[in-house]
N, C-alpha and C. Protein backbone atom coordinates (compact mmCIF):
# COMPACT_ATOMS: atom_id res chain seq x y z
N MET A 1 0.85 -1.20 0.00
CA MET A 1 0.00 0.00 0.00
C MET A 1 0.88 1.25 0.00
N PRO A 2 0.66 2.20 -0.90
CA PRO A 2 1.49 3.40 -0.95
C PRO A 2 1.30 4.27 0.29
N ILE A 3 2.35 4.99 0.65
CA ILE A 3 2.32 5.90 1.79
C ILE A 3 1.62 7.19 1.37
N GLU A 4 0.53 7.51 2.04
CA GLU A 4 -0.17 8.77 1.79
C GLU A 4 0.11 9.78 2.90
N THR A 5 0.17 9.29 4.14
CA THR A 5 0.44 10.15 5.29
C THR A 5 1.54 9.52 6.13
N LEU A 6 2.54 10.33 6.48
CA LEU A 6 3.66 9.84 7.27
C LEU A 6 3.88 10.74 8.47
N ALA A 7 4.05 10.13 9.63
CA ALA A 7 4.40 10.87 10.85
C ALA A 7 5.92 10.94 10.92
N LEU A 8 6.44 12.16 11.06
CA LEU A 8 7.89 12.37 11.14
C LEU A 8 8.22 13.08 12.44
N ALA A 9 9.03 12.44 13.26
CA ALA A 9 9.46 13.03 14.53
C ALA A 9 10.94 13.33 14.47
N MET A 10 11.32 14.51 14.94
CA MET A 10 12.72 14.90 15.01
C MET A 10 13.08 15.16 16.46
N THR A 11 14.02 14.38 16.98
CA THR A 11 14.43 14.51 18.37
C THR A 11 15.74 15.29 18.46
N GLY A 12 16.34 15.31 19.64
CA GLY A 12 17.51 16.13 19.88
C GLY A 12 18.84 15.52 19.52
N ALA A 13 18.85 14.44 18.76
CA ALA A 13 20.13 13.87 18.31
C ALA A 13 20.73 14.76 17.23
N SER A 14 22.04 14.72 17.10
CA SER A 14 22.67 15.41 15.99
C SER A 14 22.24 14.76 14.68
N GLY A 15 22.24 15.55 13.61
CA GLY A 15 21.83 15.00 12.32
C GLY A 15 20.51 15.58 11.83
N ALA A 16 20.25 16.84 12.18
CA ALA A 16 19.00 17.49 11.75
C ALA A 16 18.87 17.48 10.23
N ALA A 17 19.99 17.51 9.52
CA ALA A 17 19.95 17.54 8.05
C ALA A 17 19.25 16.32 7.49
N TYR A 18 19.37 15.17 8.16
CA TYR A 18 18.69 13.97 7.68
C TYR A 18 17.17 14.16 7.70
N GLY A 19 16.66 14.63 8.83
CA GLY A 19 15.22 14.80 8.98
C GLY A 19 14.67 15.86 8.05
N LEU A 20 15.40 16.97 7.89
CA LEU A 20 14.93 18.06 7.04
C LEU A 20 14.95 17.66 5.57
N ARG A 21 15.97 16.93 5.16
CA ARG A 21 16.02 16.45 3.77
C ARG A 21 14.89 15.46 3.51
N LEU A 22 14.61 14.61 4.47
CA LEU A 22 13.50 13.67 4.33
C LEU A 22 12.19 14.44 4.21
N LEU A 23 11.99 15.43 5.07
CA LEU A 23 10.78 16.26 5.01
C LEU A 23 10.65 16.91 3.64
N GLU A 24 11.73 17.47 3.13
CA GLU A 24 11.71 18.14 1.83
C GLU A 24 11.22 17.19 0.73
N LEU A 25 11.75 15.97 0.73
CA LEU A 25 11.40 15.03 -0.33
C LEU A 25 9.98 14.49 -0.17
N LEU A 26 9.56 14.24 1.05
CA LEU A 26 8.19 13.77 1.27
C LEU A 26 7.19 14.78 0.73
N LEU A 27 7.42 16.05 1.02
CA LEU A 27 6.52 17.10 0.52
C LEU A 27 6.59 17.18 -1.00
N GLU A 28 7.80 17.06 -1.54
CA GLU A 28 7.98 17.10 -2.99
C GLU A 28 7.23 15.96 -3.67
N TYR A 29 7.18 14.79 -3.02
CA TYR A 29 6.51 13.62 -3.57
C TYR A 29 5.00 13.62 -3.33
N GLY A 30 4.50 14.67 -2.70
CA GLY A 30 3.07 14.79 -2.48
C GLY A 30 2.53 14.01 -1.30
N ILE A 31 3.41 13.63 -0.37
CA ILE A 31 2.99 12.86 0.81
C ILE A 31 2.62 13.82 1.93
N ASN A 32 1.55 13.52 2.63
CA ASN A 32 1.13 14.33 3.77
C ASN A 32 2.02 13.99 4.97
N VAL A 33 2.48 15.03 5.66
CA VAL A 33 3.42 14.83 6.77
C VAL A 33 2.84 15.38 8.07
N GLN A 34 2.85 14.55 9.11
CA GLN A 34 2.52 14.98 10.46
C GLN A 34 3.85 15.13 11.20
N LEU A 35 4.30 16.36 11.35
CA LEU A 35 5.64 16.62 11.88
C LEU A 35 5.60 16.97 13.37
N MET A 36 6.52 16.36 14.11
CA MET A 36 6.68 16.64 15.54
C MET A 36 8.16 16.89 15.81
N ILE A 37 8.47 18.00 16.45
CA ILE A 37 9.85 18.35 16.77
C ILE A 37 9.95 18.57 18.28
N SER A 38 10.84 17.86 18.93
CA SER A 38 11.01 18.04 20.37
C SER A 38 11.72 19.37 20.63
N GLY A 39 11.68 19.81 21.89
CA GLY A 39 12.38 21.03 22.26
C GLY A 39 13.87 20.93 21.96
N ALA A 40 14.46 19.79 22.30
CA ALA A 40 15.88 19.58 22.02
C ALA A 40 16.12 19.50 20.52
N GLY A 41 15.16 18.92 19.79
CA GLY A 41 15.27 18.85 18.35
C GLY A 41 15.29 20.22 17.71
N GLN A 42 14.47 21.12 18.24
CA GLN A 42 14.44 22.50 17.75
C GLN A 42 15.80 23.17 17.97
N ILE A 43 16.40 22.94 19.13
CA ILE A 43 17.71 23.52 19.42
C ILE A 43 18.77 23.00 18.45
N VAL A 44 18.72 21.69 18.18
CA VAL A 44 19.70 21.10 17.27
C VAL A 44 19.52 21.65 15.85
N ILE A 45 18.28 21.78 15.40
CA ILE A 45 18.02 22.34 14.07
C ILE A 45 18.60 23.75 13.99
N ASN A 46 18.36 24.55 15.01
CA ASN A 46 18.86 25.93 15.01
C ASN A 46 20.38 25.98 15.04
N GLN A 47 21.00 24.99 15.67
CA GLN A 47 22.46 24.96 15.78
C GLN A 47 23.13 24.42 14.52
N GLU A 48 22.52 23.41 13.91
CA GLU A 48 23.19 22.69 12.82
C GLU A 48 22.79 23.16 11.42
N THR A 49 21.73 23.96 11.31
CA THR A 49 21.25 24.37 9.99
C THR A 49 21.08 25.88 9.93
N ASP A 50 20.64 26.36 8.77
CA ASP A 50 20.40 27.79 8.60
C ASP A 50 19.00 28.20 9.00
N LEU A 51 18.23 27.25 9.53
CA LEU A 51 16.89 27.56 10.01
C LEU A 51 16.93 28.11 11.43
N ALA A 52 15.96 28.95 11.75
CA ALA A 52 15.79 29.45 13.11
C ALA A 52 14.33 29.22 13.48
N LEU A 53 14.07 28.04 14.03
CA LEU A 53 12.69 27.67 14.33
C LEU A 53 12.28 28.18 15.71
N PRO A 54 11.12 28.83 15.79
CA PRO A 54 10.59 29.25 17.09
C PRO A 54 9.93 28.06 17.79
N SER A 55 9.47 28.27 19.00
CA SER A 55 8.83 27.18 19.74
C SER A 55 7.41 26.91 19.29
N SER A 56 6.76 27.88 18.69
CA SER A 56 5.38 27.73 18.23
C SER A 56 5.30 26.78 17.04
N SER A 57 4.47 25.75 17.15
CA SER A 57 4.33 24.79 16.05
C SER A 57 3.73 25.45 14.80
N GLU A 58 2.84 26.42 15.00
CA GLU A 58 2.25 27.11 13.85
C GLU A 58 3.30 27.92 13.10
N LYS A 59 4.17 28.61 13.83
CA LYS A 59 5.23 29.39 13.20
C LYS A 59 6.28 28.48 12.57
N GLN A 60 6.54 27.33 13.18
CA GLN A 60 7.45 26.36 12.59
C GLN A 60 6.92 25.93 11.22
N ARG A 61 5.62 25.67 11.16
CA ARG A 61 5.00 25.25 9.90
C ARG A 61 5.15 26.32 8.83
N ASP A 62 4.92 27.57 9.19
CA ASP A 62 5.03 28.66 8.22
C ASP A 62 6.46 28.75 7.67
N ILE A 63 7.45 28.64 8.55
CA ILE A 63 8.84 28.74 8.13
C ILE A 63 9.22 27.57 7.22
N LEU A 64 8.79 26.37 7.58
CA LEU A 64 9.13 25.19 6.80
C LEU A 64 8.46 25.20 5.43
N LEU A 65 7.24 25.71 5.37
CA LEU A 65 6.56 25.78 4.07
C LEU A 65 7.18 26.85 3.17
N ARG A 66 7.78 27.85 3.76
CA ARG A 66 8.51 28.83 2.95
C ARG A 66 9.80 28.22 2.40
N LYS A 67 10.43 27.38 3.21
CA LYS A 67 11.69 26.76 2.77
C LYS A 67 11.43 25.60 1.81
N TYR A 68 10.38 24.83 2.07
CA TYR A 68 10.04 23.68 1.23
C TYR A 68 8.63 23.87 0.67
N PRO A 69 8.48 24.64 -0.39
CA PRO A 69 7.15 24.95 -0.94
C PRO A 69 6.35 23.68 -1.23
N ALA A 70 5.13 23.66 -0.75
CA ALA A 70 4.24 22.51 -0.95
C ALA A 70 2.82 22.97 -0.72
N ASP A 71 1.89 22.13 -1.05
CA ASP A 71 0.49 22.40 -0.73
C ASP A 71 0.39 22.57 0.79
N SER A 72 -0.21 23.65 1.21
CA SER A 72 -0.27 23.94 2.65
C SER A 72 -0.97 22.84 3.44
N GLU A 73 -1.84 22.07 2.78
CA GLU A 73 -2.56 21.00 3.47
C GLU A 73 -1.67 19.78 3.71
N GLN A 74 -0.52 19.74 3.03
CA GLN A 74 0.35 18.57 3.15
C GLN A 74 1.07 18.49 4.50
N LEU A 75 1.33 19.64 5.09
CA LEU A 75 2.16 19.66 6.30
C LEU A 75 1.37 20.10 7.52
N GLN A 76 1.36 19.24 8.53
CA GLN A 76 0.83 19.58 9.85
C GLN A 76 1.99 19.50 10.84
N VAL A 77 2.08 20.46 11.72
CA VAL A 77 3.13 20.46 12.74
C VAL A 77 2.48 20.47 14.11
N PHE A 78 2.88 19.54 14.96
CA PHE A 78 2.28 19.40 16.28
C PHE A 78 3.33 19.55 17.37
N GLY A 79 2.95 20.21 18.45
CA GLY A 79 3.80 20.27 19.62
C GLY A 79 3.77 18.95 20.35
N THR A 80 4.79 18.68 21.16
CA THR A 80 4.88 17.37 21.82
C THR A 80 3.86 17.20 22.94
N ASP A 81 3.13 18.28 23.27
CA ASP A 81 2.10 18.17 24.30
C ASP A 81 0.69 18.28 23.72
N GLN A 82 0.55 18.18 22.40
CA GLN A 82 -0.76 18.25 21.75
C GLN A 82 -1.38 16.85 21.69
N TRP A 83 -2.00 16.46 22.80
CA TRP A 83 -2.51 15.10 22.94
C TRP A 83 -3.73 14.80 22.08
N PHE A 84 -4.37 15.83 21.54
CA PHE A 84 -5.52 15.60 20.68
C PHE A 84 -5.14 15.62 19.20
N ALA A 85 -3.85 15.61 18.91
CA ALA A 85 -3.38 15.53 17.52
C ALA A 85 -3.61 14.12 16.98
N PRO A 86 -3.85 13.98 15.69
CA PRO A 86 -4.13 12.66 15.10
C PRO A 86 -3.13 11.56 15.44
N PRO A 87 -1.81 11.83 15.50
CA PRO A 87 -0.88 10.73 15.78
C PRO A 87 -1.06 10.07 17.14
N ALA A 88 -1.82 10.71 18.04
CA ALA A 88 -1.99 10.17 19.39
C ALA A 88 -3.01 9.05 19.46
N SER A 89 -3.71 8.79 18.36
CA SER A 89 -4.79 7.80 18.40
C SER A 89 -4.74 6.87 17.19
N GLY A 90 -5.15 5.65 17.42
CA GLY A 90 -5.23 4.70 16.32
C GLY A 90 -6.21 5.11 15.25
N THR A 91 -7.17 5.95 15.60
CA THR A 91 -8.14 6.39 14.61
C THR A 91 -7.57 7.45 13.67
N GLY A 92 -6.44 8.04 14.05
CA GLY A 92 -5.81 9.07 13.21
C GLY A 92 -4.41 8.68 12.81
N VAL A 93 -4.07 7.40 12.95
CA VAL A 93 -2.72 6.93 12.74
C VAL A 93 -2.28 7.13 11.28
N ALA A 94 -1.02 7.49 11.11
CA ALA A 94 -0.44 7.63 9.77
C ALA A 94 -0.15 6.24 9.19
N ASP A 95 0.21 6.22 7.91
CA ASP A 95 0.54 4.94 7.26
C ASP A 95 1.88 4.41 7.75
N ALA A 96 2.74 5.30 8.21
CA ALA A 96 4.06 4.90 8.71
C ALA A 96 4.61 6.05 9.53
N MET A 97 5.69 5.77 10.26
CA MET A 97 6.33 6.80 11.07
C MET A 97 7.84 6.65 11.00
N VAL A 98 8.52 7.79 10.93
CA VAL A 98 9.98 7.82 10.96
C VAL A 98 10.42 8.77 12.06
N VAL A 99 11.35 8.34 12.89
CA VAL A 99 11.97 9.22 13.88
C VAL A 99 13.38 9.49 13.37
N CYS A 100 13.62 10.73 12.95
CA CYS A 100 14.87 11.06 12.26
C CYS A 100 15.27 12.51 12.51
N PRO A 101 16.36 12.75 13.23
CA PRO A 101 17.22 11.77 13.89
C PRO A 101 16.57 11.28 15.18
N CYS A 102 17.02 10.13 15.63
CA CYS A 102 16.42 9.49 16.81
C CYS A 102 17.47 9.34 17.91
N THR A 103 17.19 9.88 19.07
CA THR A 103 18.09 9.71 20.22
C THR A 103 17.93 8.32 20.81
N VAL A 104 18.94 7.88 21.55
CA VAL A 104 18.81 6.60 22.24
C VAL A 104 17.79 6.72 23.37
N GLY A 105 17.55 7.93 23.86
CA GLY A 105 16.50 8.14 24.85
C GLY A 105 15.13 7.85 24.26
N MET A 106 14.91 8.27 23.01
CA MET A 106 13.67 7.97 22.33
C MET A 106 13.54 6.47 22.09
N VAL A 107 14.65 5.83 21.72
CA VAL A 107 14.64 4.38 21.55
C VAL A 107 14.18 3.71 22.83
N SER A 108 14.74 4.14 23.96
CA SER A 108 14.39 3.57 25.26
C SER A 108 12.92 3.77 25.57
N ALA A 109 12.42 4.99 25.32
CA ALA A 109 11.01 5.29 25.62
C ALA A 109 10.07 4.43 24.79
N VAL A 110 10.40 4.27 23.52
CA VAL A 110 9.54 3.46 22.64
C VAL A 110 9.61 2.00 23.05
N ALA A 111 10.80 1.55 23.42
CA ALA A 111 10.97 0.14 23.78
C ALA A 111 10.17 -0.25 25.01
N CYS A 112 9.96 0.71 25.91
CA CYS A 112 9.21 0.38 27.13
C CYS A 112 7.80 0.97 27.11
N GLY A 113 7.38 1.56 25.99
CA GLY A 113 6.02 2.08 25.88
C GLY A 113 5.75 3.26 26.79
N ALA A 114 6.73 4.14 26.98
CA ALA A 114 6.60 5.24 27.95
C ALA A 114 5.46 6.19 27.60
N SER A 115 5.37 6.64 26.35
CA SER A 115 4.30 7.54 25.89
C SER A 115 4.17 8.79 26.77
N ASN A 116 5.29 9.40 27.11
CA ASN A 116 5.27 10.60 27.95
C ASN A 116 5.03 11.88 27.17
N ASN A 117 5.11 11.82 25.85
CA ASN A 117 4.82 12.98 25.02
C ASN A 117 4.23 12.49 23.70
N LEU A 118 3.86 13.41 22.83
CA LEU A 118 3.16 13.03 21.60
C LEU A 118 4.04 12.16 20.70
N MET A 119 5.33 12.43 20.62
CA MET A 119 6.19 11.63 19.76
C MET A 119 6.25 10.18 20.24
N GLU A 120 6.43 10.01 21.55
CA GLU A 120 6.50 8.66 22.10
C GLU A 120 5.16 7.95 21.94
N ARG A 121 4.07 8.68 22.17
CA ARG A 121 2.74 8.09 22.01
C ARG A 121 2.50 7.72 20.55
N ALA A 122 2.91 8.58 19.62
CA ALA A 122 2.72 8.30 18.20
C ALA A 122 3.44 7.02 17.80
N ALA A 123 4.66 6.83 18.29
CA ALA A 123 5.40 5.61 18.00
C ALA A 123 4.71 4.39 18.61
N ASP A 124 4.19 4.55 19.81
CA ASP A 124 3.46 3.47 20.48
C ASP A 124 2.23 3.08 19.67
N VAL A 125 1.53 4.08 19.14
CA VAL A 125 0.33 3.82 18.34
C VAL A 125 0.70 3.09 17.04
N ILE A 126 1.77 3.55 16.40
CA ILE A 126 2.21 2.90 15.16
C ILE A 126 2.49 1.42 15.39
N ILE A 127 3.16 1.11 16.51
CA ILE A 127 3.47 -0.28 16.81
C ILE A 127 2.20 -1.08 17.08
N LYS A 128 1.30 -0.53 17.90
CA LYS A 128 0.10 -1.30 18.24
C LYS A 128 -0.83 -1.48 17.05
N GLU A 129 -0.76 -0.53 16.10
CA GLU A 129 -1.59 -0.64 14.90
C GLU A 129 -0.87 -1.41 13.78
N GLN A 130 0.32 -1.93 14.11
CA GLN A 130 1.11 -2.75 13.19
C GLN A 130 1.45 -2.02 11.89
N LYS A 131 1.85 -0.76 12.05
CA LYS A 131 2.31 0.04 10.92
C LYS A 131 3.84 0.08 10.93
N LYS A 132 4.40 0.62 9.87
CA LYS A 132 5.86 0.68 9.73
C LYS A 132 6.44 1.78 10.60
N LEU A 133 7.43 1.44 11.43
CA LEU A 133 8.15 2.41 12.27
C LEU A 133 9.64 2.28 11.98
N ILE A 134 10.27 3.42 11.65
CA ILE A 134 11.69 3.46 11.35
C ILE A 134 12.37 4.41 12.33
N LEU A 135 13.39 3.93 13.02
CA LEU A 135 14.14 4.76 13.95
C LEU A 135 15.54 4.98 13.37
N VAL A 136 15.83 6.24 13.02
CA VAL A 136 17.14 6.58 12.45
C VAL A 136 18.03 7.02 13.60
N VAL A 137 18.65 6.05 14.23
CA VAL A 137 19.40 6.27 15.47
C VAL A 137 20.74 6.94 15.17
N ARG A 138 21.05 7.99 15.93
CA ARG A 138 22.30 8.74 15.73
C ARG A 138 23.04 8.77 17.07
N GLU A 139 23.87 7.78 17.27
CA GLU A 139 24.66 7.70 18.51
C GLU A 139 25.85 6.79 18.25
N THR A 140 26.95 7.05 18.91
CA THR A 140 28.09 6.15 18.83
C THR A 140 29.04 6.42 19.99
N PRO A 141 29.60 5.40 20.62
CA PRO A 141 29.27 3.98 20.42
C PRO A 141 27.96 3.63 21.10
N PHE A 142 27.43 2.46 20.80
CA PHE A 142 26.22 1.97 21.46
C PHE A 142 26.61 1.20 22.72
N SER A 143 25.87 1.44 23.79
CA SER A 143 26.09 0.66 25.01
C SER A 143 25.22 -0.60 24.93
N ALA A 144 25.43 -1.50 25.88
CA ALA A 144 24.62 -2.72 25.93
C ALA A 144 23.14 -2.37 26.12
N ILE A 145 22.87 -1.29 26.87
CA ILE A 145 21.48 -0.86 27.07
C ILE A 145 20.86 -0.46 25.73
N HIS A 146 21.59 0.35 24.97
CA HIS A 146 21.08 0.78 23.66
C HIS A 146 20.81 -0.42 22.77
N LEU A 147 21.76 -1.35 22.73
CA LEU A 147 21.63 -2.50 21.84
C LEU A 147 20.48 -3.41 22.26
N GLU A 148 20.30 -3.57 23.57
CA GLU A 148 19.18 -4.40 24.03
C GLU A 148 17.84 -3.77 23.68
N ASN A 149 17.75 -2.45 23.82
CA ASN A 149 16.50 -1.77 23.45
C ASN A 149 16.22 -1.89 21.96
N MET A 150 17.26 -1.73 21.15
CA MET A 150 17.07 -1.84 19.70
C MET A 150 16.71 -3.26 19.29
N LEU A 151 17.32 -4.25 19.93
CA LEU A 151 16.98 -5.65 19.64
C LEU A 151 15.53 -5.93 19.99
N LYS A 152 15.09 -5.42 21.14
CA LYS A 152 13.70 -5.60 21.55
C LYS A 152 12.75 -5.05 20.50
N LEU A 153 13.05 -3.85 19.99
CA LEU A 153 12.20 -3.22 18.99
C LEU A 153 12.29 -3.94 17.64
N ALA A 154 13.48 -4.38 17.26
CA ALA A 154 13.65 -5.10 16.00
C ALA A 154 12.81 -6.37 16.00
N ARG A 155 12.69 -7.01 17.15
CA ARG A 155 11.87 -8.21 17.26
C ARG A 155 10.38 -7.92 17.14
N MET A 156 10.03 -6.62 17.25
CA MET A 156 8.64 -6.19 17.04
C MET A 156 8.46 -5.61 15.63
N SER A 157 9.42 -5.89 14.76
CA SER A 157 9.39 -5.46 13.35
C SER A 157 9.62 -3.96 13.17
N VAL A 158 10.18 -3.29 14.19
CA VAL A 158 10.60 -1.90 14.03
C VAL A 158 11.92 -1.89 13.26
N SER A 159 12.03 -1.03 12.28
CA SER A 159 13.27 -0.92 11.49
C SER A 159 14.27 -0.02 12.22
N ILE A 160 15.41 -0.56 12.57
CA ILE A 160 16.48 0.21 13.19
C ILE A 160 17.45 0.59 12.07
N LEU A 161 17.50 1.87 11.76
CA LEU A 161 18.29 2.34 10.61
C LEU A 161 19.28 3.40 11.09
N PRO A 162 20.44 2.98 11.59
CA PRO A 162 21.42 3.96 12.07
C PRO A 162 21.84 4.93 10.96
N ALA A 163 22.10 6.16 11.35
CA ALA A 163 22.55 7.17 10.38
C ALA A 163 24.01 6.92 10.04
N SER A 164 24.24 5.86 9.25
CA SER A 164 25.59 5.43 8.90
C SER A 164 25.74 5.46 7.38
N PRO A 165 26.10 6.60 6.81
CA PRO A 165 26.20 6.69 5.35
C PRO A 165 27.33 5.84 4.78
N GLY A 166 27.08 5.26 3.61
CA GLY A 166 28.12 4.51 2.91
C GLY A 166 28.96 5.44 2.04
N PHE A 167 30.18 5.05 1.76
CA PHE A 167 31.10 5.89 0.99
C PHE A 167 31.40 5.30 -0.39
N TYR A 168 30.72 4.18 -0.74
CA TYR A 168 31.08 3.49 -1.97
C TYR A 168 30.52 4.15 -3.23
N TYR A 169 29.77 5.25 -3.08
CA TYR A 169 29.32 6.01 -4.25
C TYR A 169 30.22 7.22 -4.49
N ASN A 170 31.38 7.23 -3.82
CA ASN A 170 32.36 8.30 -4.00
C ASN A 170 31.75 9.68 -3.73
N ALA A 171 31.15 9.82 -2.56
CA ALA A 171 30.55 11.09 -2.18
C ALA A 171 31.59 12.18 -2.15
N THR A 172 31.20 13.34 -2.63
CA THR A 172 32.11 14.49 -2.65
C THR A 172 31.61 15.64 -1.79
N ARG A 173 30.37 15.55 -1.32
CA ARG A 173 29.78 16.61 -0.51
C ARG A 173 29.06 15.99 0.69
N VAL A 174 28.90 16.78 1.73
CA VAL A 174 28.14 16.30 2.89
C VAL A 174 26.72 15.94 2.48
N SER A 175 26.15 16.71 1.56
CA SER A 175 24.78 16.45 1.11
C SER A 175 24.65 15.07 0.46
N ASP A 176 25.74 14.57 -0.15
CA ASP A 176 25.71 13.22 -0.73
C ASP A 176 25.55 12.17 0.37
N LEU A 177 26.21 12.39 1.49
CA LEU A 177 26.12 11.45 2.61
C LEU A 177 24.75 11.51 3.25
N VAL A 178 24.19 12.72 3.34
CA VAL A 178 22.83 12.87 3.86
C VAL A 178 21.85 12.13 2.96
N ASP A 179 22.00 12.31 1.64
CA ASP A 179 21.09 11.66 0.70
C ASP A 179 21.20 10.14 0.76
N PHE A 180 22.38 9.62 1.06
CA PHE A 180 22.54 8.17 1.18
C PHE A 180 21.62 7.62 2.26
N VAL A 181 21.64 8.26 3.43
CA VAL A 181 20.81 7.79 4.54
C VAL A 181 19.33 7.99 4.23
N VAL A 182 18.99 9.14 3.68
CA VAL A 182 17.58 9.41 3.35
C VAL A 182 17.09 8.43 2.29
N ALA A 183 17.94 8.07 1.34
CA ALA A 183 17.56 7.08 0.34
C ALA A 183 17.23 5.74 0.97
N ARG A 184 17.99 5.35 1.97
CA ARG A 184 17.71 4.08 2.66
C ARG A 184 16.38 4.13 3.42
N ILE A 185 16.06 5.31 3.96
CA ILE A 185 14.75 5.47 4.62
C ILE A 185 13.63 5.32 3.60
N LEU A 186 13.77 6.00 2.46
CA LEU A 186 12.74 5.92 1.42
C LEU A 186 12.61 4.50 0.89
N ASP A 187 13.72 3.78 0.79
CA ASP A 187 13.66 2.38 0.37
C ASP A 187 12.82 1.56 1.34
N GLN A 188 13.01 1.79 2.63
CA GLN A 188 12.25 1.06 3.65
C GLN A 188 10.75 1.36 3.55
N LEU A 189 10.42 2.55 3.08
CA LEU A 189 9.02 2.96 2.94
C LEU A 189 8.46 2.61 1.57
N ASN A 190 9.28 1.99 0.72
CA ASN A 190 8.87 1.66 -0.66
C ASN A 190 8.46 2.89 -1.45
N ILE A 191 9.18 4.00 -1.21
CA ILE A 191 8.95 5.24 -1.95
C ILE A 191 10.05 5.37 -3.00
N GLN A 192 9.66 5.44 -4.27
CA GLN A 192 10.65 5.53 -5.33
C GLN A 192 11.36 6.88 -5.30
N HIS A 193 12.64 6.84 -5.62
CA HIS A 193 13.45 8.07 -5.60
C HIS A 193 14.61 7.90 -6.57
N ALA A 194 15.33 8.99 -6.79
CA ALA A 194 16.50 8.95 -7.67
C ALA A 194 17.72 9.54 -6.95
N LEU A 195 17.76 9.41 -5.63
CA LEU A 195 18.85 9.98 -4.86
C LEU A 195 20.18 9.28 -5.14
N ILE A 196 20.14 7.96 -5.13
CA ILE A 196 21.33 7.18 -5.46
C ILE A 196 20.87 6.00 -6.30
N PRO A 197 21.74 5.49 -7.18
CA PRO A 197 21.34 4.34 -7.99
C PRO A 197 21.27 3.07 -7.15
N ALA A 198 20.42 2.15 -7.58
CA ALA A 198 20.39 0.85 -6.91
C ALA A 198 21.75 0.17 -7.10
N TRP A 199 22.09 -0.72 -6.17
CA TRP A 199 23.40 -1.35 -6.20
C TRP A 199 23.62 -2.04 -7.55
N GLY A 200 24.75 -1.73 -8.19
CA GLY A 200 25.10 -2.35 -9.47
C GLY A 200 24.69 -1.52 -10.67
N GLN A 201 23.68 -0.66 -10.53
CA GLN A 201 23.22 0.09 -11.69
C GLN A 201 24.27 1.06 -12.21
N ASP A 202 25.06 1.64 -11.30
CA ASP A 202 26.08 2.60 -11.73
C ASP A 202 27.27 1.91 -12.36
N ARG A 203 27.26 0.57 -12.35
CA ARG A 203 28.38 -0.18 -12.93
C ARG A 203 27.97 -0.95 -14.17
N LEU A 204 26.71 -0.76 -14.62
CA LEU A 204 26.24 -1.46 -15.81
C LEU A 204 26.75 -0.78 -17.07
């Protein structure tokens, strides 16, 4: 089944460029996005990119739509305390969810079903409704706690996709490495793209 609506959560891990590039392409492809950015995620975006996002979810939406032009109905932005937002319920669940970048704290919360904020609750809903959940974990090295939490989630069919770009396409720019990881996310969602060639195609 094609993805029509996707929940995208951005936490406070480094790697804001991954989440923003994914958002840009989802909107470009005509996919509806339910975006959630944690307070720490907002700080990281402001530190690592040229964006200056305010705390207001409505103002965040306005800024993002100016940067990534799309149908205004495509993008919804929710604060982490908006419990009546669609991602909080199985009746409003998206077709899939990506947490990008994902902290190991978020991994832990999802693994134990904490649901202390909208992002954690949205991930919990995705799992209980048996939808696709992808966690783009950005941490190194991993401790035994991190690995045990990820193994627990992997056994529940959650996709653990570390932000580990490959270098075999001879990347020359940071954006090439970002696109490598985003391409792998899109592959997991069965969304066609032209970011990088499929393995072997560039050698035919």
